[in-house]
Amino acid sequence: MNEEKHKRAMTIALVSESAGMLFTIAGVWIGGTLLFSGYLTGGFGMAMLAADVLPTLGVALLLIVAGQILRAVVDNSNQ
């Protein structure tokens, strides 16, 4: 693998992991905002919290894992 393609792939992996971290921060912020807003009462409130936070954290996890996989594949193909 030539050097230019290696750098491009590593940049894409870094962007993916960074986006995942931003989504993680956003999910935690959304959850904290909902918890401390006072609007969440009973089972409906917890369902609303789960529906807002879990997909965001799930996408964040997928982005981070995709970046780590890309980084591992590119590093192994470079050797």
C-alpha atoms as a PDB file:
ATOM      1  CA  MET A   1       0.000   0.000   0.000  1.00  0.00           C
ATOM      2  CA  ASN A   2       1.524   3.300  -0.974  1.00  0.00           C
ATOM      3  CA  GLU A   3       2.053   6.088   1.521  1.00  0.00           C
ATOM      4  CA  GLU A   4      -0.685   8.411   0.198  1.00  0.00           C
ATOM      5  CA  LYS A   5      -3.410   5.757   0.450  1.00  0.00           C
ATOM      6  CA  HIS A   6      -2.180   4.772   3.907  1.00  0.00           C
ATOM      7  CA  LYS A   7      -2.402   8.363   5.147  1.00  0.00           C
ATOM      8  CA  ARG A   8      -5.871   8.779   3.606  1.00  0.00           C
ATOM      9  CA  ALA A   9      -7.144   5.586   5.258  1.00  0.00           C
ATOM     10  CA  MET A  10      -5.705   6.581   8.618  1.00  0.00           C
ATOM     11  CA  THR A  11      -7.335  10.013   8.296  1.00  0.00           C
ATOM     12  CA  ILE A  12     -10.699   8.397   7.581  1.00  0.00           C
ATOM     13  CA  ALA A  13     -10.254   6.159  10.634  1.00  0.00           C
ATOM     14  CA  LEU A  14      -9.450   9.193  12.777  1.00  0.00           C
ATOM     15  CA  VAL A  15     -12.492  11.091  11.480  1.00  0.00           C
ATOM     16  CA  SER A  16     -14.723   8.095  12.184  1.00  0.00           C
ATOM     17  CA  GLU A  17     -13.437   7.731  15.731  1.00  0.00           C
ATOM     18  CA  SER A  18     -13.714  11.484  16.349  1.00  0.00           C
ATOM     19  CA  ALA A  19     -17.298  11.532  15.097  1.00  0.00           C
ATOM     20  CA  GLY A  20     -18.043   8.602  17.387  1.00  0.00           C
ATOM     21  CA  MET A  21     -16.656  10.482  20.354  1.00  0.00           C
ATOM     22  CA  LEU A  22     -18.750  13.535  19.454  1.00  0.00           C
ATOM     23  CA  PHE A  23     -21.853  11.346  19.261  1.00  0.00           C
ATOM     24  CA  THR A  24     -20.973   9.875  22.666  1.00  0.00           C
ATOM     25  CA  ILE A  25     -20.709  13.345  24.175  1.00  0.00           C
ATOM     26  CA  ALA A  26     -23.984  14.349  22.510  1.00  0.00           C
ATOM     27  CA  GLY A  27     -25.766  11.252  23.835  1.00  0.00           C
ATOM     28  CA  VAL A  28     -24.587  11.862  27.377  1.00  0.00           C
ATOM     29  CA  TRP A  29     -25.522  15.534  27.113  1.00  0.00           C
ATOM     30  CA  ILE A  30     -29.012  14.687  25.809  1.00  0.00           C
ATOM     31  CA  GLY A  31     -29.494  12.170  28.610  1.00  0.00           C
ATOM     32  CA  GLY A  32     -28.339  14.606  31.267  1.00  0.00           C
ATOM     33  CA  THR A  33     -30.538  17.354  29.906  1.00  0.00           C
ATOM     34  CA  LEU A  34     -33.587  15.106  29.918  1.00  0.00           C
ATOM     35  CA  LEU A  35     -32.883  13.752  33.388  1.00  0.00           C
ATOM     36  CA  PHE A  36     -32.462  17.150  35.001  1.00  0.00           C
ATOM     37  CA  SER A  37     -35.252  18.907  33.094  1.00  0.00           C
ATOM     38  CA  GLY A  38     -37.979  17.568  35.347  1.00  0.00           C
ATOM     39  CA  TYR A  39     -40.158  16.395  32.450  1.00  0.00           C
ATOM     40  CA  LEU A  40     -39.343  12.715  32.837  1.00  0.00           C
ATOM     41  CA  THR A  41     -41.870  11.159  35.174  1.00  0.00           C
ATOM     42  CA  GLY A  42     -42.756   7.501  35.442  1.00  0.00           C
ATOM     43  CA  GLY A  43     -42.390   4.865  32.790  1.00  0.00           C
ATOM     44  CA  PHE A  44     -43.101   7.231  29.910  1.00  0.00           C
ATOM     45  CA  GLY A  45     -40.187   9.421  30.900  1.00  0.00           C
ATOM     46  CA  MET A  46     -37.776   6.500  31.033  1.00  0.00           C
ATOM     47  CA  ALA A  47     -39.014   5.253  27.670  1.00  0.00           C
ATOM     48  CA  MET A  48     -38.459   8.714  26.219  1.00  0.00           C
ATOM     49  CA  LEU A  49     -34.970   8.846  27.713  1.00  0.00           C
ATOM     50  CA  ALA A  50     -34.072   5.429  26.290  1.00  0.00           C
ATOM     51  CA  ALA A  51     -35.504   6.311  22.874  1.00  0.00           C
ATOM     52  CA  ASP A  52     -33.428   9.484  22.712  1.00  0.00           C
ATOM     53  CA  VAL A  53     -30.140   8.319  24.195  1.00  0.00           C
ATOM     54  CA  LEU A  54     -29.648   4.681  23.156  1.00  0.00           C
ATOM     55  CA  PRO A  55     -29.677   5.202  19.365  1.00  0.00           C
ATOM     56  CA  THR A  56     -27.187   8.042  19.680  1.00  0.00           C
ATOM     57  CA  LEU A  57     -24.849   5.950  21.810  1.00  0.00           C
ATOM     58  CA  GLY A  58     -25.310   2.979  19.477  1.00  0.00           C
ATOM     59  CA  VAL A  59     -24.262   4.989  16.431  1.00  0.00           C
ATOM     60  CA  ALA A  60     -21.325   6.363  18.417  1.00  0.00           C
ATOM     61  CA  LEU A  61     -20.166   2.859  19.284  1.00  0.00           C
ATOM     62  CA  LEU A  62     -20.456   1.736  15.658  1.00  0.00           C
ATOM     63  CA  LEU A  63     -18.402   4.705  14.442  1.00  0.00           C
ATOM     64  CA  ILE A  64     -15.661   4.093  16.986  1.00  0.00           C
ATOM     65  CA  VAL A  65     -15.519   0.378  16.214  1.00  0.00           C
ATOM     66  CA  ALA A  66     -15.451   1.043  12.458  1.00  0.00           C
ATOM     67  CA  GLY A  67     -12.533   3.426  12.919  1.00  0.00           C
ATOM     68  CA  GLN A  68     -10.647   0.891  15.027  1.00  0.00           C
ATOM     69  CA  ILE A  69     -11.254  -1.884  12.487  1.00  0.00           C
ATOM     70  CA  LEU A  70     -10.086   0.326   9.626  1.00  0.00           C
ATOM     71  CA  ARG A  71      -6.981   1.278  11.580  1.00  0.00           C
ATOM     72  CA  ALA A  72      -6.181  -2.393  12.285  1.00  0.00           C
ATOM     73  CA  VAL A  73      -6.721  -3.478   8.684  1.00  0.00           C
ATOM     74  CA  VAL A  74      -4.608  -0.662   7.253  1.00  0.00           C
ATOM     75  CA  ASP A  75      -1.786  -1.260   9.739  1.00  0.00           C
ATOM     76  CA  ASN A  76      -1.714  -4.998   8.946  1.00  0.00           C
ATOM     77  CA  SER A  77      -1.792  -4.473   5.187  1.00  0.00           C
ATOM     78  CA  ASN A  78       1.119  -2.036   5.432  1.00  0.00           C
ATOM     79  CA  GLN A  79       3.497  -4.658   6.861  1.00  0.00           C
END
